[in-house]
Amino acid sequence: MSITITMTDQDKSTLRTAAYGAVSLMAASGAPHKAITHGSIALTSATGLVGHVLAAKSKDIHLQGKSVAELADQVLPALTAAMSLLGKQYPGEADNFRDTVLVAIAARSGEPSPAVAAMARKITAALDAA
């Protein structure tokens, strides 16, 4: 069975930027390399429409910045925008996207450092802001 994706290229880019940006924010906050690898695997293991969008080979993820703050300025609004977009156009996929991102940022072993835990809370808040 195949899912027909009717999202615009910009909408797909927003989802990918948000999801992969969340993993990048965790890395920039000090999450271990192994956790980041597992987070990326979680994104490419997603199912449904979200899974198709996140697994697609694309060069439309443009995260720039020399600090965590600059990266967060791009990613956190993209997370909220992705949730809003999915909530309006694909309501069943909004929870799928949220769960996928939360699994990706939780892919770690042991207690996170305070900075990593704080970033996870900010990412969750951005997902819930829509």
N, C-alpha and C. Protein backbone atom coordinates (compact mmCIF):
# COMPACT_ATOMS: atom_id res chain seq x y z
N MET A 1 0.85 -1.17 0.00
CA MET A 1 0.00 0.00 0.00
C MET A 1 0.89 1.23 0.00
N SER A 2 0.55 2.20 -0.79
CA SER A 2 1.35 3.41 -0.90
C SER A 2 0.53 4.62 -0.45
N ILE A 3 1.21 5.54 0.20
CA ILE A 3 0.55 6.76 0.65
C ILE A 3 0.86 7.86 -0.37
N THR A 4 -0.17 8.53 -0.83
CA THR A 4 0.02 9.65 -1.73
C THR A 4 0.30 10.89 -0.90
N ILE A 5 1.45 11.50 -1.16
CA ILE A 5 1.84 12.69 -0.41
C ILE A 5 1.44 13.91 -1.22
N THR A 6 0.55 14.72 -0.66
CA THR A 6 0.06 15.89 -1.36
C THR A 6 0.57 17.18 -0.71
N MET A 7 1.61 17.07 0.07
CA MET A 7 2.17 18.26 0.72
C MET A 7 3.00 19.04 -0.28
N THR A 8 3.08 20.33 -0.07
CA THR A 8 3.95 21.15 -0.90
C THR A 8 5.41 20.87 -0.51
N ASP A 9 6.31 21.22 -1.40
CA ASP A 9 7.73 21.06 -1.10
C ASP A 9 8.12 21.88 0.14
N GLN A 10 7.53 23.05 0.29
CA GLN A 10 7.82 23.89 1.46
C GLN A 10 7.34 23.22 2.74
N ASP A 11 6.15 22.61 2.70
CA ASP A 11 5.63 21.91 3.88
C ASP A 11 6.53 20.73 4.25
N LYS A 12 6.98 19.99 3.26
CA LYS A 12 7.89 18.86 3.52
C LYS A 12 9.19 19.37 4.14
N SER A 13 9.69 20.47 3.59
CA SER A 13 10.93 21.06 4.11
C SER A 13 10.76 21.49 5.56
N THR A 14 9.62 22.06 5.88
CA THR A 14 9.35 22.48 7.26
C THR A 14 9.39 21.28 8.20
N LEU A 15 8.75 20.18 7.81
CA LEU A 15 8.76 18.97 8.65
C LEU A 15 10.16 18.44 8.83
N ARG A 16 10.91 18.35 7.74
CA ARG A 16 12.27 17.81 7.84
C ARG A 16 13.18 18.73 8.66
N THR A 17 13.07 20.03 8.44
CA THR A 17 13.88 20.98 9.20
C THR A 17 13.56 20.88 10.68
N ALA A 18 12.28 20.78 11.01
CA ALA A 18 11.86 20.69 12.41
C ALA A 18 12.39 19.41 13.06
N ALA A 19 12.17 18.28 12.42
CA ALA A 19 12.55 16.99 13.01
C ALA A 19 14.06 16.83 13.12
N TYR A 20 14.75 17.03 12.01
CA TYR A 20 16.21 16.87 12.04
C TYR A 20 16.86 18.00 12.83
N GLY A 21 16.22 19.15 12.83
CA GLY A 21 16.71 20.27 13.64
C GLY A 21 16.63 19.97 15.12
N ALA A 22 15.57 19.26 15.54
CA ALA A 22 15.44 18.89 16.95
C ALA A 22 16.60 18.00 17.37
N VAL A 23 16.97 17.05 16.53
CA VAL A 23 18.11 16.17 16.83
C VAL A 23 19.40 17.00 16.84
N SER A 24 19.52 17.94 15.93
CA SER A 24 20.70 18.81 15.89
C SER A 24 20.80 19.67 17.14
N LEU A 25 19.66 20.16 17.62
CA LEU A 25 19.65 20.95 18.86
C LEU A 25 20.13 20.11 20.04
N MET A 26 19.70 18.87 20.08
CA MET A 26 20.15 17.99 21.17
C MET A 26 21.66 17.79 21.08
N ALA A 27 22.18 17.62 19.88
CA ALA A 27 23.63 17.46 19.70
C ALA A 27 24.36 18.73 20.14
N ALA A 28 23.84 19.87 19.75
CA ALA A 28 24.48 21.14 20.10
C ALA A 28 24.43 21.40 21.60
N SER A 29 23.47 20.78 22.28
CA SER A 29 23.32 20.96 23.72
C SER A 29 24.20 20.00 24.51
N GLY A 30 24.84 19.08 23.81
CA GLY A 30 25.77 18.19 24.48
C GLY A 30 25.34 16.74 24.58
N ALA A 31 24.30 16.35 23.87
CA ALA A 31 23.90 14.94 23.89
C ALA A 31 25.02 14.10 23.27
N PRO A 32 25.23 12.90 23.78
CA PRO A 32 26.30 12.04 23.25
C PRO A 32 26.07 11.66 21.79
N HIS A 33 27.15 11.44 21.08
CA HIS A 33 27.10 11.09 19.66
C HIS A 33 26.20 9.88 19.41
N LYS A 34 26.28 8.88 20.25
CA LYS A 34 25.46 7.67 20.08
C LYS A 34 23.97 8.00 20.15
N ALA A 35 23.60 8.91 21.04
CA ALA A 35 22.20 9.31 21.17
C ALA A 35 21.73 10.02 19.91
N ILE A 36 22.59 10.82 19.32
CA ILE A 36 22.24 11.55 18.10
C ILE A 36 22.05 10.56 16.95
N THR A 37 22.92 9.57 16.88
CA THR A 37 22.78 8.53 15.85
C THR A 37 21.45 7.81 16.02
N HIS A 38 21.12 7.43 17.25
CA HIS A 38 19.84 6.75 17.50
C HIS A 38 18.66 7.67 17.21
N GLY A 39 18.80 8.96 17.47
CA GLY A 39 17.75 9.91 17.16
C GLY A 39 17.49 10.00 15.66
N SER A 40 18.55 10.03 14.88
CA SER A 40 18.40 10.07 13.42
C SER A 40 17.75 8.79 12.91
N ILE A 41 18.13 7.67 13.49
CA ILE A 41 17.51 6.40 13.09
C ILE A 41 16.02 6.42 13.43
N ALA A 42 15.67 6.98 14.58
CA ALA A 42 14.25 7.08 14.95
C ALA A 42 13.47 7.88 13.92
N LEU A 43 14.06 8.95 13.40
CA LEU A 43 13.36 9.77 12.40
C LEU A 43 13.15 9.00 11.11
N THR A 44 14.17 8.26 10.67
CA THR A 44 14.02 7.52 9.42
C THR A 44 13.20 6.26 9.59
N SER A 45 12.88 5.90 10.82
CA SER A 45 12.05 4.72 11.10
C SER A 45 10.58 5.07 11.30
N ALA A 46 10.24 6.33 11.15
CA ALA A 46 8.86 6.76 11.33
C ALA A 46 7.97 6.13 10.26
N THR A 47 6.69 6.05 10.56
CA THR A 47 5.72 5.47 9.64
C THR A 47 4.71 6.54 9.21
N GLY A 48 3.81 6.14 8.34
CA GLY A 48 2.76 7.05 7.88
C GLY A 48 3.31 8.15 6.99
N LEU A 49 2.51 9.17 6.80
CA LEU A 49 2.92 10.31 5.98
C LEU A 49 4.20 10.93 6.51
N VAL A 50 4.30 11.08 7.83
CA VAL A 50 5.50 11.64 8.45
C VAL A 50 6.71 10.80 8.08
N GLY A 51 6.58 9.50 8.16
CA GLY A 51 7.69 8.61 7.81
C GLY A 51 8.14 8.78 6.38
N HIS A 52 7.19 8.91 5.47
CA HIS A 52 7.54 9.10 4.05
C HIS A 52 8.29 10.41 3.85
N VAL A 53 7.83 11.47 4.50
CA VAL A 53 8.48 12.78 4.35
C VAL A 53 9.87 12.76 4.96
N LEU A 54 10.01 12.20 6.16
CA LEU A 54 11.31 12.22 6.83
C LEU A 54 12.33 11.30 6.19
N ALA A 55 11.87 10.22 5.57
CA ALA A 55 12.79 9.26 4.95
C ALA A 55 13.23 9.67 3.55
N ALA A 56 12.55 10.62 2.94
CA ALA A 56 12.87 11.03 1.58
C ALA A 56 14.26 11.66 1.52
N LYS A 57 14.98 11.32 0.48
CA LYS A 57 16.29 11.94 0.25
C LYS A 57 16.05 13.38 -0.18
N SER A 58 16.64 14.30 0.53
CA SER A 58 16.38 15.70 0.24
C SER A 58 17.56 16.56 0.69
N LYS A 59 17.71 17.67 0.04
CA LYS A 59 18.74 18.63 0.42
C LYS A 59 18.10 19.94 0.86
N ASP A 60 16.88 19.86 1.39
CA ASP A 60 16.16 21.08 1.74
C ASP A 60 16.24 21.43 3.22
N ILE A 61 17.10 20.78 3.95
CA ILE A 61 17.27 21.11 5.36
C ILE A 61 18.47 22.05 5.46
N HIS A 62 18.20 23.29 5.79
CA HIS A 62 19.25 24.30 5.85
C HIS A 62 19.28 24.89 7.25
N LEU A 63 20.06 24.28 8.11
CA LEU A 63 20.21 24.76 9.47
C LEU A 63 21.54 25.49 9.57
N GLN A 64 21.46 26.75 9.90
CA GLN A 64 22.67 27.56 9.97
C GLN A 64 22.75 28.23 11.33
N GLY A 65 23.93 28.55 11.71
CA GLY A 65 24.12 29.25 12.97
C GLY A 65 25.41 28.80 13.62
N LYS A 66 25.97 29.68 14.39
CA LYS A 66 27.22 29.38 15.07
C LYS A 66 27.01 29.17 16.55
N SER A 67 25.77 29.20 16.98
CA SER A 67 25.48 28.99 18.41
C SER A 67 24.20 28.18 18.54
N VAL A 68 24.01 27.64 19.72
CA VAL A 68 22.77 26.91 19.99
C VAL A 68 21.59 27.86 19.86
N ALA A 69 21.75 29.09 20.30
CA ALA A 69 20.66 30.07 20.22
C ALA A 69 20.24 30.32 18.77
N GLU A 70 21.21 30.46 17.88
CA GLU A 70 20.88 30.69 16.47
C GLU A 70 20.17 29.47 15.86
N LEU A 71 20.62 28.29 16.24
CA LEU A 71 19.97 27.07 15.76
C LEU A 71 18.55 26.96 16.32
N ALA A 72 18.40 27.25 17.59
CA ALA A 72 17.07 27.20 18.22
C ALA A 72 16.11 28.20 17.59
N ASP A 73 16.63 29.36 17.18
CA ASP A 73 15.78 30.37 16.53
C ASP A 73 15.16 29.85 15.24
N GLN A 74 15.77 28.87 14.61
CA GLN A 74 15.23 28.27 13.40
C GLN A 74 14.36 27.05 13.70
N VAL A 75 14.84 26.21 14.61
CA VAL A 75 14.22 24.91 14.83
C VAL A 75 12.93 25.00 15.66
N LEU A 76 12.96 25.73 16.75
CA LEU A 76 11.78 25.76 17.62
C LEU A 76 10.54 26.29 16.89
N PRO A 77 10.65 27.40 16.13
CA PRO A 77 9.47 27.83 15.36
C PRO A 77 9.07 26.81 14.28
N ALA A 78 10.05 26.11 13.70
CA ALA A 78 9.73 25.10 12.69
C ALA A 78 8.95 23.94 13.31
N LEU A 79 9.29 23.57 14.54
CA LEU A 79 8.54 22.51 15.24
C LEU A 79 7.09 22.92 15.44
N THR A 80 6.88 24.14 15.89
CA THR A 80 5.52 24.64 16.09
C THR A 80 4.78 24.73 14.75
N ALA A 81 5.45 25.22 13.73
CA ALA A 81 4.84 25.33 12.40
C ALA A 81 4.47 23.95 11.85
N ALA A 82 5.34 22.98 12.05
CA ALA A 82 5.05 21.63 11.56
C ALA A 82 3.82 21.05 12.25
N MET A 83 3.73 21.23 13.55
CA MET A 83 2.57 20.73 14.29
C MET A 83 1.29 21.44 13.86
N SER A 84 1.38 22.74 13.63
CA SER A 84 0.21 23.50 13.18
C SER A 84 -0.23 23.03 11.80
N LEU A 85 0.72 22.89 10.90
CA LEU A 85 0.44 22.42 9.54
C LEU A 85 -0.23 21.05 9.57
N LEU A 86 0.37 20.12 10.30
CA LEU A 86 -0.19 18.78 10.35
C LEU A 86 -1.55 18.77 11.04
N GLY A 87 -1.69 19.57 12.09
CA GLY A 87 -2.97 19.64 12.80
C GLY A 87 -4.10 20.12 11.91
N LYS A 88 -3.80 21.03 11.00
CA LYS A 88 -4.83 21.58 10.10
C LYS A 88 -5.08 20.69 8.89
N GLN A 89 -4.00 20.18 8.28
CA GLN A 89 -4.14 19.47 7.01
C GLN A 89 -4.17 17.96 7.14
N TYR A 90 -3.50 17.43 8.15
CA TYR A 90 -3.39 15.98 8.33
C TYR A 90 -3.50 15.66 9.82
N PRO A 91 -4.67 15.86 10.42
CA PRO A 91 -4.81 15.74 11.88
C PRO A 91 -4.27 14.43 12.46
N GLY A 92 -4.44 13.34 11.76
CA GLY A 92 -3.94 12.06 12.26
C GLY A 92 -2.44 11.98 12.31
N GLU A 93 -1.77 12.82 11.56
CA GLU A 93 -0.31 12.77 11.50
C GLU A 93 0.37 13.70 12.52
N ALA A 94 -0.38 14.61 13.11
CA ALA A 94 0.23 15.52 14.08
C ALA A 94 0.79 14.75 15.28
N ASP A 95 0.01 13.84 15.82
CA ASP A 95 0.49 13.03 16.95
C ASP A 95 1.65 12.13 16.52
N ASN A 96 1.59 11.61 15.31
CA ASN A 96 2.67 10.78 14.78
C ASN A 96 3.98 11.59 14.73
N PHE A 97 3.91 12.81 14.23
CA PHE A 97 5.09 13.67 14.15
C PHE A 97 5.63 13.97 15.55
N ARG A 98 4.73 14.36 16.45
CA ARG A 98 5.13 14.69 17.82
C ARG A 98 5.81 13.49 18.48
N ASP A 99 5.19 12.33 18.38
CA ASP A 99 5.76 11.12 18.98
C ASP A 99 7.11 10.77 18.36
N THR A 100 7.22 10.91 17.05
CA THR A 100 8.47 10.60 16.36
C THR A 100 9.59 11.51 16.85
N VAL A 101 9.33 12.80 16.94
CA VAL A 101 10.36 13.74 17.41
C VAL A 101 10.72 13.45 18.86
N LEU A 102 9.72 13.18 19.69
CA LEU A 102 10.02 12.90 21.10
C LEU A 102 10.84 11.62 21.27
N VAL A 103 10.56 10.61 20.46
CA VAL A 103 11.37 9.39 20.50
C VAL A 103 12.80 9.73 20.06
N ALA A 104 12.93 10.53 19.02
CA ALA A 104 14.26 10.88 18.51
C ALA A 104 15.09 11.64 19.54
N ILE A 105 14.47 12.54 20.28
CA ILE A 105 15.26 13.32 21.24
C ILE A 105 15.46 12.58 22.56
N ALA A 106 14.70 11.50 22.76
CA ALA A 106 14.85 10.72 23.99
C ALA A 106 15.80 9.54 23.80
N ALA A 107 16.31 9.37 22.61
CA ALA A 107 17.18 8.23 22.30
C ALA A 107 18.55 8.42 22.96
N ARG A 108 18.60 8.07 24.23
CA ARG A 108 19.86 8.19 24.97
C ARG A 108 19.84 7.18 26.11
N SER A 109 20.98 6.98 26.68
CA SER A 109 21.04 6.09 27.84
C SER A 109 21.52 6.90 29.04
N GLY A 110 21.00 6.58 30.19
CA GLY A 110 21.41 7.30 31.38
C GLY A 110 20.72 8.64 31.52
N GLU A 111 21.09 9.33 32.56
CA GLU A 111 20.53 10.66 32.83
C GLU A 111 21.14 11.70 31.90
N PRO A 112 20.31 12.55 31.29
CA PRO A 112 20.87 13.61 30.44
C PRO A 112 21.49 14.71 31.31
N SER A 113 22.41 15.42 30.71
CA SER A 113 22.98 16.57 31.41
C SER A 113 21.88 17.62 31.58
N PRO A 114 22.06 18.57 32.50
CA PRO A 114 21.04 19.62 32.66
C PRO A 114 20.77 20.38 31.35
N ALA A 115 21.79 20.66 30.57
CA ALA A 115 21.59 21.39 29.31
C ALA A 115 20.78 20.58 28.31
N VAL A 116 21.05 19.29 28.23
CA VAL A 116 20.32 18.42 27.30
C VAL A 116 18.86 18.28 27.77
N ALA A 117 18.65 18.13 29.07
CA ALA A 117 17.29 18.02 29.60
C ALA A 117 16.51 19.31 29.35
N ALA A 118 17.16 20.44 29.52
CA ALA A 118 16.50 21.73 29.28
C ALA A 118 16.11 21.87 27.81
N MET A 119 16.99 21.45 26.91
CA MET A 119 16.68 21.54 25.48
C MET A 119 15.52 20.61 25.13
N ALA A 120 15.49 19.43 25.72
CA ALA A 120 14.37 18.51 25.46
C ALA A 120 13.05 19.14 25.90
N ARG A 121 13.06 19.86 27.02
CA ARG A 121 11.84 20.54 27.47
C ARG A 121 11.44 21.65 26.49
N LYS A 122 12.41 22.38 25.97
CA LYS A 122 12.11 23.45 25.00
C LYS A 122 11.53 22.87 23.71
N ILE A 123 12.08 21.76 23.27
CA ILE A 123 11.57 21.11 22.07
C ILE A 123 10.13 20.63 22.30
N THR A 124 9.88 20.02 23.44
CA THR A 124 8.53 19.56 23.76
C THR A 124 7.56 20.74 23.82
N ALA A 125 7.98 21.83 24.42
CA ALA A 125 7.13 23.03 24.49
C ALA A 125 6.82 23.56 23.10
N ALA A 126 7.80 23.56 22.20
CA ALA A 126 7.57 24.04 20.84
C ALA A 126 6.58 23.12 20.11
N LEU A 127 6.69 21.81 20.34
CA LEU A 127 5.73 20.88 19.73
C LEU A 127 4.32 21.11 20.25
N ASP A 128 4.20 21.46 21.50
CA ASP A 128 2.89 21.64 22.13
C ASP A 128 2.31 23.04 21.95
N ALA A 129 3.08 23.95 21.36
CA ALA A 129 2.63 25.34 21.23
C ALA A 129 1.61 25.54 20.10
N ALA A 130 1.51 24.59 19.22
CA ALA A 130 0.62 24.75 18.06
C ALA A 130 -0.84 24.64 18.46
